[in-house]
Amino acid sequence: MNIRHFIKQNRDDWKQLEQSISKLGKHKRNLTGKEIDQFSRLYQKAAQHLSYSQTYFPNEDVTGYLNELVAKAHNLLYKDQVSSFRQIRTFFSTTFIGLLLEQWKAVIVAMVLFTAGGLAAFLSVLDDPLHLYSLLPEQVAQSVNPEQLGANHDAIDASLMSASIMTNNIQVAFLAFAGGITFGLLTVYIMVSNGIMVGALAGLYWHHGSSYAFWAYIVPHGVIELMAIFIAGGAGLLMGYKLFAPGAYSRGFQLKRQAKRSVQLLLGTIPLFIIAGIIEGFITPASLSLEAKYAVAVLTLIAFVSYLASGKVLLRKNNAKAALHS
């Protein structure tokens, strides 16, 4: 059975299950025994379809769609209503990580775009430091002084700086995500332009022999910050790609589905931006040794990788439980 035939043959049952999920979620205690039996039957069929799709169409959109559908139905059938705190915990411990693992390729593409822009700008400024003025906004370029890196720590209002940085980074991430509606073109621009900014500055500090100090002021917050921006950028790129090549679905369906997933990914990056903002506001400008700043960067990277690894393990356990119930 090819994928088009598979979708055409079963989509009516999936649509019925979607409607039942919506009704059961709102009026769980008012359903009749017949309606509950029908819901259970539709859920079991969808679980079988998911198993088939995972075997024969593992990389197709329909598999991700069925995975979400079965998970929603399973939660309604086998779990009591959960508290807001538990919902938040579930989102950050499994849902967000699951979505991230599903679209890791788009995140890599966002990272490559950023890196390409950064490398091009780095080489350009390395060739002629005056190129900095053509690559960066005039106000930014004129404010850069490699000789004063890390100076005036005591003059910085750390709390104000942290709040300002968090706000700016979240705005960048939102634009990268929302850029998906332009078929990903705006997202590409944001990724490349942000890479150019970092690469141009890196080239200037390399030219002045201050690279070690420069990166010590970038990587403590940059590890988490850039990961969050890449995730938001990947969400925008994936949305743009699905609009450009919707596959077996309409563009309207893909926009609705991918927008929902991308919003969830964007929400998942907010704590990362908060952490990065706190580090950038309080630790980056602090009078610490450069080695201590690099140590903070390593710790944030280890913490982030550990978070993803633990979430992946928990996600596998939950999927195994769902398979047993089905």
C-alpha atoms as a PDB file:
ATOM      1  CA  MET A   1       0.000   0.000   0.000  1.00  0.00           C
ATOM      2  CA  ASN A   2       1.442   3.378  -0.977  1.00  0.00           C
ATOM      3  CA  ILE A   3       1.215   6.407   1.304  1.00  0.00           C
ATOM      4  CA  ARG A   4      -1.542   8.182  -0.644  1.00  0.00           C
ATOM      5  CA  HIS A   5      -3.764   5.107  -0.539  1.00  0.00           C
ATOM      6  CA  PHE A   6      -2.982   4.623   3.158  1.00  0.00           C
ATOM      7  CA  ILE A   7      -4.023   8.204   3.983  1.00  0.00           C
ATOM      8  CA  LYS A   8      -7.121   8.137   1.779  1.00  0.00           C
ATOM      9  CA  GLN A   9      -8.306   4.823   3.235  1.00  0.00           C
ATOM     10  CA  ASN A  10      -7.962   5.840   6.887  1.00  0.00           C
ATOM     11  CA  ARG A  11      -8.263   9.635   7.149  1.00  0.00           C
ATOM     12  CA  ASP A  12     -11.993   9.520   7.907  1.00  0.00           C
ATOM     13  CA  ASP A  13     -11.291   7.424  11.016  1.00  0.00           C
ATOM     14  CA  TRP A  14      -8.541   9.840  12.057  1.00  0.00           C
ATOM     15  CA  LYS A  15     -10.844  12.802  11.627  1.00  0.00           C
ATOM     16  CA  GLN A  16     -13.499  11.078  13.762  1.00  0.00           C
ATOM     17  CA  LEU A  17     -10.889  10.431  16.444  1.00  0.00           C
ATOM     18  CA  GLU A  18      -9.841  14.105  16.372  1.00  0.00           C
ATOM     19  CA  GLN A  19     -13.480  15.118  16.870  1.00  0.00           C
ATOM     20  CA  SER A  20     -13.890  12.592  19.674  1.00  0.00           C
ATOM     21  CA  ILE A  21     -10.748  13.870  21.403  1.00  0.00           C
ATOM     22  CA  SER A  22     -12.095  17.401  21.278  1.00  0.00           C
ATOM     23  CA  LYS A  23     -15.475  16.331  22.658  1.00  0.00           C
ATOM     24  CA  LEU A  24     -14.025  14.028  25.303  1.00  0.00           C
ATOM     25  CA  GLY A  25     -11.645  16.719  26.471  1.00  0.00           C
ATOM     26  CA  LYS A  26     -14.504  19.165  27.015  1.00  0.00           C
ATOM     27  CA  HIS A  27     -17.291  16.852  28.190  1.00  0.00           C
ATOM     28  CA  LYS A  28     -15.574  13.760  29.525  1.00  0.00           C
ATOM     29  CA  ARG A  29     -18.162  13.017  32.199  1.00  0.00           C
ATOM     30  CA  ASN A  30     -21.142  13.471  29.862  1.00  0.00           C
ATOM     31  CA  LEU A  31     -20.225  10.887  27.223  1.00  0.00           C
ATOM     32  CA  THR A  32     -22.404   7.829  26.835  1.00  0.00           C
ATOM     33  CA  GLY A  33     -21.058   4.313  27.050  1.00  0.00           C
ATOM     34  CA  LYS A  34     -21.501   3.959  23.302  1.00  0.00           C
ATOM     35  CA  GLU A  35     -19.440   7.086  22.621  1.00  0.00           C
ATOM     36  CA  ILE A  36     -16.669   5.898  24.921  1.00  0.00           C
ATOM     37  CA  ASP A  37     -16.603   2.510  23.188  1.00  0.00           C
ATOM     38  CA  GLN A  38     -16.399   4.240  19.813  1.00  0.00           C
ATOM     39  CA  PHE A  39     -13.550   6.412  21.064  1.00  0.00           C
ATOM     40  CA  SER A  40     -11.671   3.355  22.324  1.00  0.00           C
ATOM     41  CA  ARG A  41     -12.185   1.592  18.990  1.00  0.00           C
ATOM     42  CA  LEU A  42     -10.942   4.596  17.001  1.00  0.00           C
ATOM     43  CA  TYR A  43      -7.941   4.914  19.314  1.00  0.00           C
ATOM     44  CA  GLN A  44      -6.973   1.264  18.857  1.00  0.00           C
ATOM     45  CA  LYS A  45      -7.256   1.577  15.064  1.00  0.00           C
ATOM     46  CA  ALA A  46      -5.121   4.728  15.067  1.00  0.00           C
ATOM     47  CA  ALA A  47      -2.509   2.941  17.204  1.00  0.00           C
ATOM     48  CA  GLN A  48      -2.393   0.128  14.639  1.00  0.00           C
ATOM     49  CA  HIS A  49      -2.110   2.669  11.825  1.00  0.00           C
ATOM     50  CA  LEU A  50       0.737   4.362  13.702  1.00  0.00           C
ATOM     51  CA  SER A  51       2.596   1.067  14.003  1.00  0.00           C
ATOM     52  CA  TYR A  52       2.118   0.425  10.264  1.00  0.00           C
ATOM     53  CA  SER A  53       3.191   3.950   9.365  1.00  0.00           C
ATOM     54  CA  GLN A  54       6.307   3.763  11.563  1.00  0.00           C
ATOM     55  CA  THR A  55       7.294   0.587   9.716  1.00  0.00           C
ATOM     56  CA  TYR A  56       6.600   1.618   6.121  1.00  0.00           C
ATOM     57  CA  PHE A  57       6.570   5.451   6.189  1.00  0.00           C
ATOM     58  CA  PRO A  58       8.946   6.357   9.055  1.00  0.00           C
ATOM     59  CA  ASN A  59      10.043   9.707   7.602  1.00  0.00           C
ATOM     60  CA  GLU A  60       6.672  10.908   6.311  1.00  0.00           C
ATOM     61  CA  ASP A  61       4.453  13.591   7.873  1.00  0.00           C
ATOM     62  CA  VAL A  62       1.653  11.106   8.414  1.00  0.00           C
ATOM     63  CA  THR A  63       3.771   9.241  10.994  1.00  0.00           C
ATOM     64  CA  GLY A  64       4.296  12.367  13.069  1.00  0.00           C
ATOM     65  CA  TYR A  65       0.607  13.236  12.758  1.00  0.00           C
ATOM     66  CA  LEU A  66      -0.477   9.789  13.941  1.00  0.00           C
ATOM     67  CA  ASN A  67       2.023   9.855  16.793  1.00  0.00           C
ATOM     68  CA  GLU A  68       0.487  13.102  18.078  1.00  0.00           C
ATOM     69  CA  LEU A  69      -3.056  11.808  17.573  1.00  0.00           C
ATOM     70  CA  VAL A  70      -2.441   8.535  19.419  1.00  0.00           C
ATOM     71  CA  ALA A  71      -0.637  10.323  22.251  1.00  0.00           C
ATOM     72  CA  LYS A  72      -3.577  12.691  22.782  1.00  0.00           C
ATOM     73  CA  ALA A  73      -6.062   9.826  22.763  1.00  0.00           C
ATOM     74  CA  HIS A  74      -3.918   7.774  25.129  1.00  0.00           C
ATOM     75  CA  ASN A  75      -3.682  10.633  27.609  1.00  0.00           C
ATOM     76  CA  LEU A  76      -7.449  10.990  27.686  1.00  0.00           C
ATOM     77  CA  LEU A  77      -8.090   7.284  28.041  1.00  0.00           C
ATOM     78  CA  TYR A  78      -5.517   6.330  30.638  1.00  0.00           C
ATOM     79  CA  LYS A  79      -4.738   9.482  32.600  1.00  0.00           C
ATOM     80  CA  ASP A  80      -6.711  11.635  34.949  1.00  0.00           C
ATOM     81  CA  GLN A  81      -6.802  15.364  34.397  1.00  0.00           C
ATOM     82  CA  VAL A  82      -3.405  16.728  35.358  1.00  0.00           C
ATOM     83  CA  SER A  83      -2.484  19.911  37.138  1.00  0.00           C
ATOM     84  CA  SER A  84      -1.008  22.895  35.341  1.00  0.00           C
ATOM     85  CA  PHE A  85       2.353  22.235  36.993  1.00  0.00           C
ATOM     86  CA  ARG A  86       2.354  18.647  35.770  1.00  0.00           C
ATOM     87  CA  GLN A  87       1.414  19.766  32.257  1.00  0.00           C
ATOM     88  CA  ILE A  88       4.327  22.200  32.237  1.00  0.00           C
ATOM     89  CA  ARG A  89       6.669  19.505  33.536  1.00  0.00           C
ATOM     90  CA  THR A  90       5.477  17.072  30.868  1.00  0.00           C
ATOM     91  CA  PHE A  91       5.929  19.668  28.154  1.00  0.00           C
ATOM     92  CA  PHE A  92       9.535  20.435  29.043  1.00  0.00           C
ATOM     93  CA  SER A  93      10.503  16.874  29.970  1.00  0.00           C
ATOM     94  CA  THR A  94       9.107  15.070  26.919  1.00  0.00           C
ATOM     95  CA  THR A  95       6.937  17.075  24.494  1.00  0.00           C
ATOM     96  CA  PHE A  96       9.494  19.757  23.686  1.00  0.00           C
ATOM     97  CA  ILE A  97      12.350  17.275  23.422  1.00  0.00           C
ATOM     98  CA  GLY A  98      10.251  14.965  21.233  1.00  0.00           C
ATOM     99  CA  LEU A  99       9.479  17.794  18.805  1.00  0.00           C
ATOM    100  CA  LEU A 100      13.130  18.841  18.812  1.00  0.00           C
ATOM    101  CA  LEU A 101      14.352  15.318  18.023  1.00  0.00           C
ATOM    102  CA  GLU A 102      11.817  15.041  15.197  1.00  0.00           C
ATOM    103  CA  GLN A 103      13.121  18.154  13.461  1.00  0.00           C
ATOM    104  CA  TRP A 104      16.834  18.009  14.299  1.00  0.00           C
ATOM    105  CA  LYS A 105      17.730  18.242  10.614  1.00  0.00           C
ATOM    106  CA  ALA A 106      16.078  21.660  10.341  1.00  0.00           C
ATOM    107  CA  VAL A 107      17.992  22.808  13.435  1.00  0.00           C
ATOM    108  CA  ILE A 108      21.247  21.676  11.793  1.00  0.00           C
ATOM    109  CA  VAL A 109      20.353  23.631   8.634  1.00  0.00           C
ATOM    110  CA  ALA A 110      19.762  26.754  10.749  1.00  0.00           C
ATOM    111  CA  MET A 111      23.157  26.234  12.402  1.00  0.00           C
ATOM    112  CA  VAL A 112      24.857  25.789   9.015  1.00  0.00           C
ATOM    113  CA  LEU A 113      23.318  29.041   7.719  1.00  0.00           C
ATOM    114  CA  PHE A 114      24.517  30.888  10.826  1.00  0.00           C
ATOM    115  CA  THR A 115      27.990  29.354  10.523  1.00  0.00           C
ATOM    116  CA  ALA A 116      28.242  30.174   6.804  1.00  0.00           C
ATOM    117  CA  GLY A 117      27.407  33.821   7.452  1.00  0.00           C
ATOM    118  CA  GLY A 118      29.825  33.934  10.369  1.00  0.00           C
ATOM    119  CA  LEU A 119      32.703  32.339   8.461  1.00  0.00           C
ATOM    120  CA  ALA A 120      32.257  34.635   5.452  1.00  0.00           C
ATOM    121  CA  ALA A 121      32.230  37.731   7.677  1.00  0.00           C
ATOM    122  CA  PHE A 122      35.213  36.484   9.695  1.00  0.00           C
ATOM    123  CA  LEU A 123      37.345  36.001   6.572  1.00  0.00           C
ATOM    124  CA  SER A 124      36.231  39.350   5.158  1.00  0.00           C
ATOM    125  CA  VAL A 125      37.207  41.310   8.285  1.00  0.00           C
ATOM    126  CA  LEU A 126      40.405  39.306   8.645  1.00  0.00           C
ATOM    127  CA  ASP A 127      41.350  40.403   5.133  1.00  0.00           C
ATOM    128  CA  ASP A 128      40.541  44.081   5.893  1.00  0.00           C
ATOM    129  CA  PRO A 129      39.265  45.259   9.305  1.00  0.00           C
ATOM    130  CA  LEU A 130      37.527  48.192   7.599  1.00  0.00           C
ATOM    131  CA  HIS A 131      35.050  45.709   6.128  1.00  0.00           C
ATOM    132  CA  LEU A 132      33.514  45.702   9.609  1.00  0.00           C
ATOM    133  CA  TYR A 133      31.757  48.976   8.756  1.00  0.00           C
ATOM    134  CA  SER A 134      30.057  47.450   5.725  1.00  0.00           C
ATOM    135  CA  LEU A 135      28.979  44.308   7.559  1.00  0.00           C
ATOM    136  CA  LEU A 136      27.649  45.754  10.828  1.00  0.00           C
ATOM    137  CA  PRO A 137      25.301  48.659  11.571  1.00  0.00           C
ATOM    138  CA  GLU A 138      27.317  51.867  11.819  1.00  0.00           C
ATOM    139  CA  GLN A 139      26.432  52.435  15.483  1.00  0.00           C
ATOM    140  CA  VAL A 140      27.557  48.916  16.428  1.00  0.00           C
ATOM    141  CA  ALA A 141      30.760  49.069  14.373  1.00  0.00           C
ATOM    142  CA  GLN A 142      31.784  52.397  15.899  1.00  0.00           C
ATOM    143  CA  SER A 143      31.150  51.201  19.449  1.00  0.00           C
ATOM    144  CA  VAL A 144      33.520  48.226  19.162  1.00  0.00           C
ATOM    145  CA  ASN A 145      36.915  48.712  20.776  1.00  0.00           C
ATOM    146  CA  PRO A 146      39.075  45.594  21.183  1.00  0.00           C
ATOM    147  CA  GLU A 147      41.295  47.428  23.670  1.00  0.00           C
ATOM    148  CA  GLN A 148      38.423  47.896  26.133  1.00  0.00           C
ATOM    149  CA  LEU A 149      37.041  44.347  26.146  1.00  0.00           C
ATOM    150  CA  GLY A 150      35.702  43.565  29.607  1.00  0.00           C
ATOM    151  CA  ALA A 151      36.283  47.081  30.955  1.00  0.00           C
ATOM    152  CA  ASN A 152      33.918  49.038  33.207  1.00  0.00           C
ATOM    153  CA  HIS A 153      32.353  46.026  34.945  1.00  0.00           C
ATOM    154  CA  ASP A 154      31.212  48.168  37.857  1.00  0.00           C
ATOM    155  CA  ALA A 155      29.333  50.574  35.591  1.00  0.00           C
ATOM    156  CA  ILE A 156      27.009  47.840  34.313  1.00  0.00           C
ATOM    157  CA  ASP A 157      23.512  47.450  35.723  1.00  0.00           C
ATOM    158  CA  ALA A 158      23.446  43.627  35.570  1.00  0.00           C
ATOM    159  CA  SER A 159      19.701  43.199  36.165  1.00  0.00           C
ATOM    160  CA  LEU A 160      18.780  45.786  33.509  1.00  0.00           C
ATOM    161  CA  MET A 161      21.278  44.324  31.065  1.00  0.00           C
ATOM    162  CA  SER A 162      19.981  40.794  31.659  1.00  0.00           C
ATOM    163  CA  ALA A 163      16.351  41.806  31.066  1.00  0.00           C
ATOM    164  CA  SER A 164      17.287  43.745  27.931  1.00  0.00           C
ATOM    165  CA  ILE A 165      19.287  40.848  26.513  1.00  0.00           C
ATOM    166  CA  MET A 166      16.524  38.317  27.194  1.00  0.00           C
ATOM    167  CA  THR A 167      13.952  40.534  25.485  1.00  0.00           C
ATOM    168  CA  ASN A 168      16.153  41.065  22.437  1.00  0.00           C
ATOM    169  CA  ASN A 169      17.014  37.375  22.048  1.00  0.00           C
ATOM    170  CA  ILE A 170      13.389  36.276  22.366  1.00  0.00           C
ATOM    171  CA  GLN A 171      12.465  38.819  19.688  1.00  0.00           C
ATOM    172  CA  VAL A 172      15.150  37.394  17.385  1.00  0.00           C
ATOM    173  CA  ALA A 173      13.853  33.869  18.000  1.00  0.00           C
ATOM    174  CA  PHE A 174      10.260  34.939  17.356  1.00  0.00           C
ATOM    175  CA  LEU A 175      11.239  36.564  14.050  1.00  0.00           C
ATOM    176  CA  ALA A 176      13.193  33.444  13.061  1.00  0.00           C
ATOM    177  CA  PHE A 177      10.155  31.286  13.835  1.00  0.00           C
ATOM    178  CA  ALA A 178       7.610  33.647  12.224  1.00  0.00           C
ATOM    179  CA  GLY A 179       9.829  33.879   9.151  1.00  0.00           C
ATOM    180  CA  GLY A 180       8.555  30.438   8.198  1.00  0.00           C
ATOM    181  CA  ILE A 181       5.392  32.070   6.848  1.00  0.00           C
ATOM    182  CA  THR A 182       7.579  33.699   4.142  1.00  0.00           C
ATOM    183  CA  PHE A 183       8.494  30.198   2.924  1.00  0.00           C
ATOM    184  CA  GLY A 184      11.500  30.429   5.232  1.00  0.00           C
ATOM    185  CA  LEU A 185      13.201  33.338   3.419  1.00  0.00           C
ATOM    186  CA  LEU A 186      13.070  35.698   6.411  1.00  0.00           C
ATOM    187  CA  THR A 187      14.372  32.911   8.657  1.00  0.00           C
ATOM    188  CA  VAL A 188      17.324  32.343   6.321  1.00  0.00           C
ATOM    189  CA  TYR A 189      18.095  36.076   6.408  1.00  0.00           C
ATOM    190  CA  ILE A 190      17.981  36.192  10.219  1.00  0.00           C
ATOM    191  CA  MET A 191      20.241  33.170  10.603  1.00  0.00           C
ATOM    192  CA  VAL A 192      22.819  34.452   8.126  1.00  0.00           C
ATOM    193  CA  SER A 193      22.749  38.059   9.384  1.00  0.00           C
ATOM    194  CA  ASN A 194      23.235  37.005  13.006  1.00  0.00           C
ATOM    195  CA  GLY A 195      26.122  34.796  11.917  1.00  0.00           C
ATOM    196  CA  ILE A 196      27.646  37.745  10.046  1.00  0.00           C
ATOM    197  CA  MET A 197      27.511  39.899  13.164  1.00  0.00           C
ATOM    198  CA  VAL A 198      29.320  37.331  15.323  1.00  0.00           C
ATOM    199  CA  GLY A 199      31.801  36.443  12.567  1.00  0.00           C
ATOM    200  CA  ALA A 200      32.689  40.063  11.854  1.00  0.00           C
ATOM    201  CA  LEU A 201      33.399  40.758  15.527  1.00  0.00           C
ATOM    202  CA  ALA A 202      35.412  37.545  15.812  1.00  0.00           C
ATOM    203  CA  GLY A 203      37.495  38.605  12.811  1.00  0.00           C
ATOM    204  CA  LEU A 204      38.200  42.021  14.326  1.00  0.00           C
ATOM    205  CA  TYR A 205      39.331  40.583  17.677  1.00  0.00           C
ATOM    206  CA  TRP A 206      41.441  37.959  15.896  1.00  0.00           C
ATOM    207  CA  HIS A 207      43.119  40.763  13.954  1.00  0.00           C
ATOM    208  CA  HIS A 208      43.988  42.445  17.265  1.00  0.00           C
ATOM    209  CA  GLY A 209      45.181  39.201  18.880  1.00  0.00           C
ATOM    210  CA  SER A 210      42.307  39.154  21.398  1.00  0.00           C
ATOM    211  CA  SER A 211      40.372  36.083  20.266  1.00  0.00           C
ATOM    212  CA  TYR A 212      40.843  34.182  23.529  1.00  0.00           C
ATOM    213  CA  ALA A 213      39.368  37.042  25.534  1.00  0.00           C
ATOM    214  CA  PHE A 214      36.624  37.709  22.959  1.00  0.00           C
ATOM    215  CA  TRP A 215      35.292  34.157  22.995  1.00  0.00           C
ATOM    216  CA  ALA A 216      35.509  34.072  26.796  1.00  0.00           C
ATOM    217  CA  TYR A 217      32.881  36.819  26.790  1.00  0.00           C
ATOM    218  CA  ILE A 218      30.742  35.053  24.159  1.00  0.00           C
ATOM    219  CA  VAL A 219      30.594  31.353  24.953  1.00  0.00           C
ATOM    220  CA  PRO A 220      29.319  31.389  28.587  1.00  0.00           C
ATOM    221  CA  HIS A 221      25.902  32.593  27.462  1.00  0.00           C
ATOM    222  CA  GLY A 222      26.409  31.818  23.766  1.00  0.00           C
ATOM    223  CA  VAL A 223      26.153  28.044  24.059  1.00  0.00           C
ATOM    224  CA  ILE A 224      22.582  28.139  25.363  1.00  0.00           C
ATOM    225  CA  GLU A 225      21.615  31.288  23.459  1.00  0.00           C
ATOM    226  CA  LEU A 226      22.700  29.977  20.068  1.00  0.00           C
ATOM    227  CA  MET A 227      21.079  26.586  20.690  1.00  0.00           C
ATOM    228  CA  ALA A 228      17.785  28.359  21.350  1.00  0.00           C
ATOM    229  CA  ILE A 229      18.139  30.533  18.241  1.00  0.00           C
ATOM    230  CA  PHE A 230      18.971  27.477  16.113  1.00  0.00           C
ATOM    231  CA  ILE A 231      15.886  25.678  17.447  1.00  0.00           C
ATOM    232  CA  ALA A 232      13.652  28.666  16.670  1.00  0.00           C
ATOM    233  CA  GLY A 233      15.307  29.038  13.274  1.00  0.00           C
ATOM    234  CA  GLY A 234      14.840  25.344  12.543  1.00  0.00           C
ATOM    235  CA  ALA A 235      11.151  25.658  13.404  1.00  0.00           C
ATOM    236  CA  GLY A 236      10.812  28.532  10.933  1.00  0.00           C
ATOM    237  CA  LEU A 237      12.744  26.720   8.220  1.00  0.00           C
ATOM    238  CA  LEU A 238      10.655  23.576   8.610  1.00  0.00           C
ATOM    239  CA  MET A 239       7.437  25.581   8.381  1.00  0.00           C
ATOM    240  CA  GLY A 240       8.726  27.288   5.243  1.00  0.00           C
ATOM    241  CA  TYR A 241       9.743  23.981   3.691  1.00  0.00           C
ATOM    242  CA  LYS A 242       6.362  22.398   4.384  1.00  0.00           C
ATOM    243  CA  LEU A 243       4.626  25.375   2.777  1.00  0.00           C
ATOM    244  CA  PHE A 244       6.896  25.109  -0.249  1.00  0.00           C
ATOM    245  CA  ALA A 245       6.586  21.307  -0.521  1.00  0.00           C
ATOM    246  CA  PRO A 246       3.387  20.265   1.316  1.00  0.00           C
ATOM    247  CA  GLY A 247       3.513  16.685   0.064  1.00  0.00           C
ATOM    248  CA  ALA A 248       0.253  14.735   0.293  1.00  0.00           C
ATOM    249  CA  TYR A 249      -1.419  17.503   2.325  1.00  0.00           C
ATOM    250  CA  SER A 250      -2.704  20.951   1.464  1.00  0.00           C
ATOM    251  CA  ARG A 251      -0.633  24.027   2.305  1.00  0.00           C
ATOM    252  CA  GLY A 252      -3.385  25.109   4.678  1.00  0.00           C
ATOM    253  CA  PHE A 253      -3.120  21.855   6.622  1.00  0.00           C
ATOM    254  CA  GLN A 254       0.666  22.033   6.730  1.00  0.00           C
ATOM    255  CA  LEU A 255       0.566  25.658   7.889  1.00  0.00           C
ATOM    256  CA  LYS A 256      -1.851  24.810  10.699  1.00  0.00           C
ATOM    257  CA  ARG A 257       0.108  21.741  11.808  1.00  0.00           C
ATOM    258  CA  GLN A 258       3.604  23.167  11.501  1.00  0.00           C
ATOM    259  CA  ALA A 259       2.619  26.482  13.083  1.00  0.00           C
ATOM    260  CA  LYS A 260       1.361  24.608  16.146  1.00  0.00           C
ATOM    261  CA  ARG A 261       4.549  22.567  16.390  1.00  0.00           C
ATOM    262  CA  SER A 262       6.729  25.622  15.820  1.00  0.00           C
ATOM    263  CA  VAL A 263       4.939  27.603  18.521  1.00  0.00           C
ATOM    264  CA  GLN A 264       5.568  24.751  20.946  1.00  0.00           C
ATOM    265  CA  LEU A 265       9.248  24.743  20.016  1.00  0.00           C
ATOM    266  CA  LEU A 266       9.423  28.510  20.432  1.00  0.00           C
ATOM    267  CA  LEU A 267       7.849  28.257  23.883  1.00  0.00           C
ATOM    268  CA  GLY A 268      10.372  25.577  24.772  1.00  0.00           C
ATOM    269  CA  THR A 269      13.262  27.931  24.029  1.00  0.00           C
ATOM    270  CA  ILE A 270      12.084  30.658  26.431  1.00  0.00           C
ATOM    271  CA  PRO A 271      13.717  29.080  29.534  1.00  0.00           C
ATOM    272  CA  LEU A 272      16.935  28.746  27.519  1.00  0.00           C
ATOM    273  CA  PHE A 273      16.854  32.443  26.707  1.00  0.00           C
ATOM    274  CA  ILE A 274      16.181  33.278  30.350  1.00  0.00           C
ATOM    275  CA  ILE A 275      19.217  31.234  31.424  1.00  0.00           C
ATOM    276  CA  ALA A 276      21.364  32.813  28.687  1.00  0.00           C
ATOM    277  CA  GLY A 277      20.173  36.290  29.668  1.00  0.00           C
ATOM    278  CA  ILE A 278      21.025  35.720  33.323  1.00  0.00           C
ATOM    279  CA  ILE A 279      24.497  34.451  32.414  1.00  0.00           C
ATOM    280  CA  GLU A 280      25.083  37.325  29.985  1.00  0.00           C
ATOM    281  CA  GLY A 281      23.855  39.900  32.467  1.00  0.00           C
ATOM    282  CA  PHE A 282      25.573  38.648  35.622  1.00  0.00           C
ATOM    283  CA  ILE A 283      28.418  36.257  34.732  1.00  0.00           C
ATOM    284  CA  THR A 284      29.739  37.442  31.355  1.00  0.00           C
ATOM    285  CA  PRO A 285      30.590  40.997  32.551  1.00  0.00           C
ATOM    286  CA  ALA A 286      31.725  39.843  35.993  1.00  0.00           C
ATOM    287  CA  SER A 287      35.345  40.190  37.103  1.00  0.00           C
ATOM    288  CA  LEU A 288      36.077  36.495  36.686  1.00  0.00           C
ATOM    289  CA  SER A 289      39.087  34.920  35.051  1.00  0.00           C
ATOM    290  CA  LEU A 290      38.749  34.013  31.387  1.00  0.00           C
ATOM    291  CA  GLU A 291      39.215  30.367  32.315  1.00  0.00           C
ATOM    292  CA  ALA A 292      36.253  30.587  34.713  1.00  0.00           C
ATOM    293  CA  LYS A 293      34.106  31.975  31.902  1.00  0.00           C
ATOM    294  CA  TYR A 294      35.092  29.078  29.642  1.00  0.00           C
ATOM    295  CA  ALA A 295      34.277  26.690  32.488  1.00  0.00           C
ATOM    296  CA  VAL A 296      30.760  28.154  32.669  1.00  0.00           C
ATOM    297  CA  ALA A 297      30.375  27.515  28.936  1.00  0.00           C
ATOM    298  CA  VAL A 298      31.404  23.873  29.337  1.00  0.00           C
ATOM    299  CA  LEU A 299      28.996  23.402  32.237  1.00  0.00           C
ATOM    300  CA  THR A 300      26.075  24.871  30.266  1.00  0.00           C
ATOM    301  CA  LEU A 301      26.850  22.580  27.337  1.00  0.00           C
ATOM    302  CA  ILE A 302      26.990  19.508  29.594  1.00  0.00           C
ATOM    303  CA  ALA A 303      23.732  20.536  31.286  1.00  0.00           C
ATOM    304  CA  PHE A 304      21.961  21.007  27.946  1.00  0.00           C
ATOM    305  CA  VAL A 305      23.160  17.676  26.528  1.00  0.00           C
ATOM    306  CA  SER A 306      22.166  15.916  29.773  1.00  0.00           C
ATOM    307  CA  TYR A 307      18.720  17.501  29.586  1.00  0.00           C
ATOM    308  CA  LEU A 308      18.217  16.225  26.028  1.00  0.00           C
ATOM    309  CA  ALA A 309      19.523  12.748  26.897  1.00  0.00           C
ATOM    310  CA  SER A 310      17.295  12.358  29.964  1.00  0.00           C
ATOM    311  CA  GLY A 311      14.282  13.605  28.001  1.00  0.00           C
ATOM    312  CA  LYS A 312      14.967  11.123  25.216  1.00  0.00           C
ATOM    313  CA  VAL A 313      15.083   8.252  27.705  1.00  0.00           C
ATOM    314  CA  LEU A 314      11.843   9.373  29.335  1.00  0.00           C
ATOM    315  CA  LEU A 315      10.199   9.752  25.942  1.00  0.00           C
ATOM    316  CA  ARG A 316      11.094   6.167  25.025  1.00  0.00           C
ATOM    317  CA  LYS A 317       9.630   4.902  28.298  1.00  0.00           C
ATOM    318  CA  ASN A 318       6.369   6.778  27.694  1.00  0.00           C
ATOM    319  CA  ASN A 319       6.126   5.468  24.131  1.00  0.00           C
ATOM    320  CA  ALA A 320       6.699   1.923  25.384  1.00  0.00           C
ATOM    321  CA  LYS A 321       3.877   2.327  27.921  1.00  0.00           C
ATOM    322  CA  ALA A 322       1.560   3.681  25.231  1.00  0.00           C
ATOM    323  CA  ALA A 323       2.365   0.698  22.988  1.00  0.00           C
ATOM    324  CA  LEU A 324       1.504  -1.721  25.796  1.00  0.00           C
ATOM    325  CA  HIS A 325      -1.878  -0.066  26.353  1.00  0.00           C
ATOM    326  CA  SER A 326      -2.677  -0.182  22.670  1.00  0.00           C
END
